PDB file of N, CA and C in Angstrom:
ATOM      1  N   UNK A   1     -10.864 -12.473 -13.310  1.00  0.00           N
ATOM      2  CA  UNK A   1     -11.051 -11.561 -13.832  1.00  0.00           C
ATOM      3  C   UNK A   1     -11.022 -10.213 -12.381  1.00  0.00           C
ATOM      4  N   UNK A   2     -11.325  -9.505 -13.070  1.00  0.00           N
ATOM      5  CA  UNK A   2     -10.781  -8.333 -11.768  1.00  0.00           C
ATOM      6  C   UNK A   2     -11.818  -6.827 -12.177  1.00  0.00           C
ATOM      7  N   UNK A   3     -12.131  -6.742 -11.329  1.00  0.00           N
ATOM      8  CA  UNK A   3     -12.869  -5.331 -11.672  1.00  0.00           C
ATOM      9  C   UNK A   3     -12.578  -4.100 -10.403  1.00  0.00           C
ATOM     10  N   UNK A   4     -12.038  -3.437 -10.357  1.00  0.00           N
ATOM     11  CA  UNK A   4     -11.255  -1.871  -9.156  1.00  0.00           C
ATOM     12  C   UNK A   4     -12.426  -0.685  -9.470  1.00  0.00           C
ATOM     13  N   UNK A   5     -12.731  -0.139  -8.096  1.00  0.00           N
ATOM     14  CA  UNK A   5     -13.251   0.569  -8.098  1.00  0.00           C
ATOM     15  C   UNK A   5     -11.536   1.787  -7.137  1.00  0.00           C
ATOM     16  N   UNK A   6     -11.176   2.519  -8.062  1.00  0.00           N
ATOM     17  CA  UNK A   6     -10.594   3.266  -7.048  1.00  0.00           C
ATOM     18  C   UNK A   6     -10.766   4.417  -6.556  1.00  0.00           C
ATOM     19  N   UNK A   7     -10.381   4.340  -4.787  1.00  0.00           N
ATOM     20  CA  UNK A   7     -10.862   5.249  -4.410  1.00  0.00           C
ATOM     21  C   UNK A   7     -10.231   5.934  -3.779  1.00  0.00           C
ATOM     22  N   UNK A   8      -9.553   7.476  -3.698  1.00  0.00           N
ATOM     23  CA  UNK A   8      -8.927   8.377  -2.204  1.00  0.00           C
ATOM     24  C   UNK A   8      -9.357   8.088  -1.213  1.00  0.00           C
ATOM     25  N   UNK A   9      -8.145   7.654  -0.005  1.00  0.00           N
ATOM     26  CA  UNK A   9      -8.619   7.703   1.756  1.00  0.00           C
ATOM     27  C   UNK A   9      -8.237   9.020   1.991  1.00  0.00           C
ATOM     28  N   UNK A  10      -8.835   9.181   2.922  1.00  0.00           N
ATOM     29  CA  UNK A  10      -8.582  10.235   3.609  1.00  0.00           C
ATOM     30  C   UNK A  10      -6.999  11.031   3.848  1.00  0.00           C
ATOM     31  N   UNK A  11      -6.359  10.039   3.600  1.00  0.00           N
ATOM     32  CA  UNK A  11      -4.383   9.772   4.129  1.00  0.00           C
ATOM     33  C   UNK A  11      -4.290  10.145   2.610  1.00  0.00           C
ATOM     34  N   UNK A  12      -2.828  10.703   2.406  1.00  0.00           N
ATOM     35  CA  UNK A  12      -2.297  11.845   1.215  1.00  0.00           C
ATOM     36  C   UNK A  12      -1.847  10.437   0.404  1.00  0.00           C
ATOM     37  N   UNK A  13      -1.488   8.927   1.539  1.00  0.00           N
ATOM     38  CA  UNK A  13      -0.018   8.197   1.208  1.00  0.00           C
ATOM     39  C   UNK A  13      -1.291   7.232   0.762  1.00  0.00           C
ATOM     40  N   UNK A  14      -2.387   7.077   1.442  1.00  0.00           N
ATOM     41  CA  UNK A  14      -3.402   5.510   0.874  1.00  0.00           C
ATOM     42  C   UNK A  14      -4.025   6.235  -0.148  1.00  0.00           C
ATOM     43  N   UNK A  15      -4.234   4.780  -1.139  1.00  0.00           N
ATOM     44  CA  UNK A  15      -5.683   4.634  -1.682  1.00  0.00           C
ATOM     45  C   UNK A  15      -6.385   3.179  -1.502  1.00  0.00           C
ATOM     46  N   UNK A  16      -7.561   3.563  -1.160  1.00  0.00           N
ATOM     47  CA  UNK A  16      -8.551   1.890  -0.850  1.00  0.00           C
ATOM     48  C   UNK A  16      -9.271   1.442  -2.150  1.00  0.00           C
ATOM     49  N   UNK A  17      -8.761   0.846  -2.357  1.00  0.00           N
ATOM     50  CA  UNK A  17     -10.147   0.283  -3.346  1.00  0.00           C
ATOM     51  C   UNK A  17     -10.814  -1.468  -2.727  1.00  0.00           C
ATOM     52  N   UNK A  18     -11.622  -1.323  -3.709  1.00  0.00           N
ATOM     53  CA  UNK A  18     -12.143  -3.090  -3.036  1.00  0.00           C
ATOM     54  C   UNK A  18     -11.613  -3.258  -4.830  1.00  0.00           C
ATOM     55  N   UNK A  19     -11.650  -5.191  -5.186  1.00  0.00           N
ATOM     56  CA  UNK A  19     -11.638  -5.745  -6.678  1.00  0.00           C
ATOM     57  C   UNK A  19     -12.982  -6.904  -6.251  1.00  0.00           C
ATOM     58  N   UNK A  20     -13.178  -6.715  -7.214  1.00  0.00           N
ATOM     59  CA  UNK A  20     -14.084  -8.783  -7.546  1.00  0.00           C
ATOM     60  C   UNK A  20     -13.488  -9.486  -7.965  1.00  0.00           C
ATOM     61  N   UNK A  21     -13.321 -10.615  -7.787  1.00  0.00           N
ATOM     62  CA  UNK A  21     -12.490 -11.249  -7.692  1.00  0.00           C
ATOM     63  C   UNK A  21     -12.726 -12.776  -8.269  1.00  0.00           C
ATOM     64  N   UNK A  22     -12.543 -12.826  -9.237  1.00  0.00           N
ATOM     65  CA  UNK A  22     -13.525 -14.693 -10.082  1.00  0.00           C
ATOM     66  C   UNK A  22     -12.348 -15.624  -9.618  1.00  0.00           C
ATOM     67  N   UNK A  23     -12.729 -17.090  -9.277  1.00  0.00           N
ATOM     68  CA  UNK A  23     -11.562 -17.531  -9.435  1.00  0.00           C
ATOM     69  C   UNK A  23     -11.853 -19.385  -8.759  1.00  0.00           C
ATOM     70  N   UNK A  24     -11.421 -20.041  -9.095  1.00  0.00           N
ATOM     71  CA  UNK A  24     -11.306 -21.515  -8.725  1.00  0.00           C
ATOM     72  C   UNK A  24     -12.906 -22.037  -7.707  1.00  0.00           C
ATOM     73  N   UNK A  25     -12.944 -20.710  -7.365  1.00  0.00           N
ATOM     74  CA  UNK A  25     -13.244 -20.530  -6.219  1.00  0.00           C
ATOM     75  C   UNK A  25     -14.807 -20.219  -5.234  1.00  0.00           C
ATOM     76  N   UNK A  26     -14.655 -18.974  -6.622  1.00  0.00           N
ATOM     77  CA  UNK A  26     -15.689 -18.296  -6.853  1.00  0.00           C
ATOM     78  C   UNK A  26     -15.386 -17.161  -6.308  1.00  0.00           C
ATOM     79  N   UNK A  27     -16.640 -16.067  -6.479  1.00  0.00           N
ATOM     80  CA  UNK A  27     -16.117 -15.067  -6.859  1.00  0.00           C
ATOM     81  C   UNK A  27     -16.272 -14.084  -5.003  1.00  0.00           C
ATOM     82  N   UNK A  28     -15.552 -12.774  -4.994  1.00  0.00           N
ATOM     83  CA  UNK A  28     -15.957 -12.526  -3.528  1.00  0.00           C
ATOM     84  C   UNK A  28     -15.064 -11.116  -4.087  1.00  0.00           C
ATOM     85  N   UNK A  29     -15.654 -10.056  -2.722  1.00  0.00           N
ATOM     86  CA  UNK A  29     -14.714  -8.962  -2.827  1.00  0.00           C
ATOM     87  C   UNK A  29     -13.527  -9.013  -2.233  1.00  0.00           C
ATOM     88  N   UNK A  30     -12.687  -7.914  -2.986  1.00  0.00           N
ATOM     89  CA  UNK A  30     -11.071  -8.044  -1.618  1.00  0.00           C
ATOM     90  C   UNK A  30     -11.227  -6.319  -1.612  1.00  0.00           C
ATOM     91  N   UNK A  31     -10.537  -6.580  -0.443  1.00  0.00           N
ATOM     92  CA  UNK A  31     -10.547  -4.994  -0.132  1.00  0.00           C
ATOM     93  C   UNK A  31      -9.130  -3.988  -0.186  1.00  0.00           C
ATOM     94  N   UNK A  32      -8.151  -3.576  -0.875  1.00  0.00           N
ATOM     95  CA  UNK A  32      -6.931  -3.493  -1.174  1.00  0.00           C
ATOM     96  C   UNK A  32      -6.922  -2.398  -1.221  1.00  0.00           C
ATOM     97  N   UNK A  33      -5.616  -2.138  -0.191  1.00  0.00           N
ATOM     98  CA  UNK A  33      -4.519  -0.809   0.119  1.00  0.00           C
ATOM     99  C   UNK A  33      -3.694  -1.128  -0.559  1.00  0.00           C
ATOM    100  N   UNK A  34      -3.509   0.127  -1.327  1.00  0.00           N
ATOM    101  CA  UNK A  34      -1.754   0.114  -1.505  1.00  0.00           C
ATOM    102  C   UNK A  34      -1.571   1.846  -0.892  1.00  0.00           C
ATOM    103  N   UNK A  35      -0.042   1.929  -0.284  1.00  0.00           N
ATOM    104  CA  UNK A  35       0.415   2.284   0.329  1.00  0.00           C
ATOM    105  C   UNK A  35       1.396   3.650  -0.126  1.00  0.00           C
ATOM    106  N   UNK A  36       1.983   4.755  -0.269  1.00  0.00           N
ATOM    107  CA  UNK A  36       2.604   5.708  -1.175  1.00  0.00           C
ATOM    108  C   UNK A  36       3.506   6.131  -0.033  1.00  0.00           C
ATOM    109  N   UNK A  37       4.815   5.826  -0.039  1.00  0.00           N
ATOM    110  CA  UNK A  37       5.979   6.257   0.535  1.00  0.00           C
ATOM    111  C   UNK A  37       6.220   8.361   0.843  1.00  0.00           C
ATOM    112  N   UNK A  38       6.044   8.759   1.729  1.00  0.00           N
ATOM    113  CA  UNK A  38       6.222  10.073   1.762  1.00  0.00           C
ATOM    114  C   UNK A  38       7.428  10.649   1.545  1.00  0.00           C
ATOM    115  N   UNK A  39       7.357  11.703   0.853  1.00  0.00           N
ATOM    116  CA  UNK A  39       8.664  12.405   0.378  1.00  0.00           C
ATOM    117  C   UNK A  39      10.005  12.277   1.104  1.00  0.00           C
ATOM    118  N   UNK A  40      10.342  12.767   2.806  1.00  0.00           N
ATOM    119  CA  UNK A  40      11.309  11.848   3.377  1.00  0.00           C
ATOM    120  C   UNK A  40      11.397  10.975   4.379  1.00  0.00           C
ATOM    121  N   UNK A  41      10.882   9.518   4.215  1.00  0.00           N
ATOM    122  CA  UNK A  41      10.682   8.004   4.302  1.00  0.00           C
ATOM    123  C   UNK A  41      12.122   7.978   3.883  1.00  0.00           C
ATOM    124  N   UNK A  42      12.991   8.248   3.707  1.00  0.00           N
ATOM    125  CA  UNK A  42      13.810   6.966   3.007  1.00  0.00           C
ATOM    126  C   UNK A  42      15.224   7.914   3.824  1.00  0.00           C
ATOM    127  N   UNK A  43      14.852   9.010   4.819  1.00  0.00           N
ATOM    128  CA  UNK A  43      15.463   9.661   4.827  1.00  0.00           C
ATOM    129  C   UNK A  43      15.468  10.089   6.185  1.00  0.00           C
ATOM    130  N   UNK A  44      14.204   9.186   6.945  1.00  0.00           N
ATOM    131  CA  UNK A  44      13.568   9.627   8.260  1.00  0.00           C
ATOM    132  C   UNK A  44      14.602   8.674   9.389  1.00  0.00           C
ATOM    133  N   UNK A  45      15.094   7.996   9.146  1.00  0.00           N
ATOM    134  CA  UNK A  45      15.867   7.110  10.148  1.00  0.00           C
ATOM    135  C   UNK A  45      17.517   7.143  10.157  1.00  0.00           C
ATOM    136  N   UNK A  46      17.772   8.093   8.712  1.00  0.00           N
ATOM    137  CA  UNK A  46      19.214   7.958   9.014  1.00  0.00           C
ATOM    138  C   UNK A  46      19.760   8.558  10.189  1.00  0.00           C
ATOM    139  N   UNK A  47      19.531   9.429  10.950  1.00  0.00           N
ATOM    140  CA  UNK A  47      19.467   9.225  12.285  1.00  0.00           C
ATOM    141  C   UNK A  47      20.218   9.047  13.029  1.00  0.00           C
ATOM    142  N   UNK A  48      19.055   7.261  13.436  1.00  0.00           N
ATOM    143  CA  UNK A  48      18.792   6.352  14.303  1.00  0.00           C
ATOM    144  C   UNK A  48      20.273   5.351  13.994  1.00  0.00           C
ATOM    145  N   UNK A  49      19.714   5.375  12.738  1.00  0.00           N
ATOM    146  CA  UNK A  49      20.393   4.065  11.853  1.00  0.00           C
ATOM    147  C   UNK A  49      21.223   4.626  11.178  1.00  0.00           C
ATOM    148  N   UNK A  50      22.733   4.385  11.124  1.00  0.00           N
ATOM    149  CA  UNK A  50      23.265   5.278   9.460  1.00  0.00           C
ATOM    150  C   UNK A  50      24.221   3.990   8.654  1.00  0.00           C
ATOM    151  N   UNK A  51      24.020   3.892   8.000  1.00  0.00           N
ATOM    152  CA  UNK A  51      24.322   2.943   6.714  1.00  0.00           C
ATOM    153  C   UNK A  51      25.825   2.205   7.337  1.00  0.00           C
ATOM    154  N   UNK A  52      26.841   3.249   7.480  1.00  0.00           N
ATOM    155  CA  UNK A  52      27.965   2.677   7.724  1.00  0.00           C
ATOM    156  C   UNK A  52      28.260   2.346   9.002  1.00  0.00           C
ATOM    157  N   UNK A  53      27.437   2.322  10.010  1.00  0.00           N
ATOM    158  CA  UNK A  53      27.914   1.760  10.973  1.00  0.00           C
ATOM    159  C   UNK A  53      27.077   0.514  11.107  1.00  0.00           C
ATOM    160  N   UNK A  54      27.779  -0.894  11.236  1.00  0.00           N
ATOM    161  CA  UNK A  54      27.616  -2.051  12.275  1.00  0.00           C
ATOM    162  C   UNK A  54      27.145  -2.565  13.771  1.00  0.00           C
ATOM    163  N   UNK A  55      25.591  -3.377  13.074  1.00  0.00           N
ATOM    164  CA  UNK A  55      25.035  -3.370  14.713  1.00  0.00           C
ATOM    165  C   UNK A  55      25.898  -4.621  15.392  1.00  0.00           C
TER     166      UNK A  55
END
């Protein structure tokens, strides 16, 4: 069973929340970080690493 409380971090691309997790080992709190890619992330390295060039 998981119970979460999401909090938006100061970084606009990251969401951090804590989950209360119950499993066979017991109950514990886990911190989860979700990262969202910036809009230009996929194009950021194309200048340096073009797809058509073999290494």
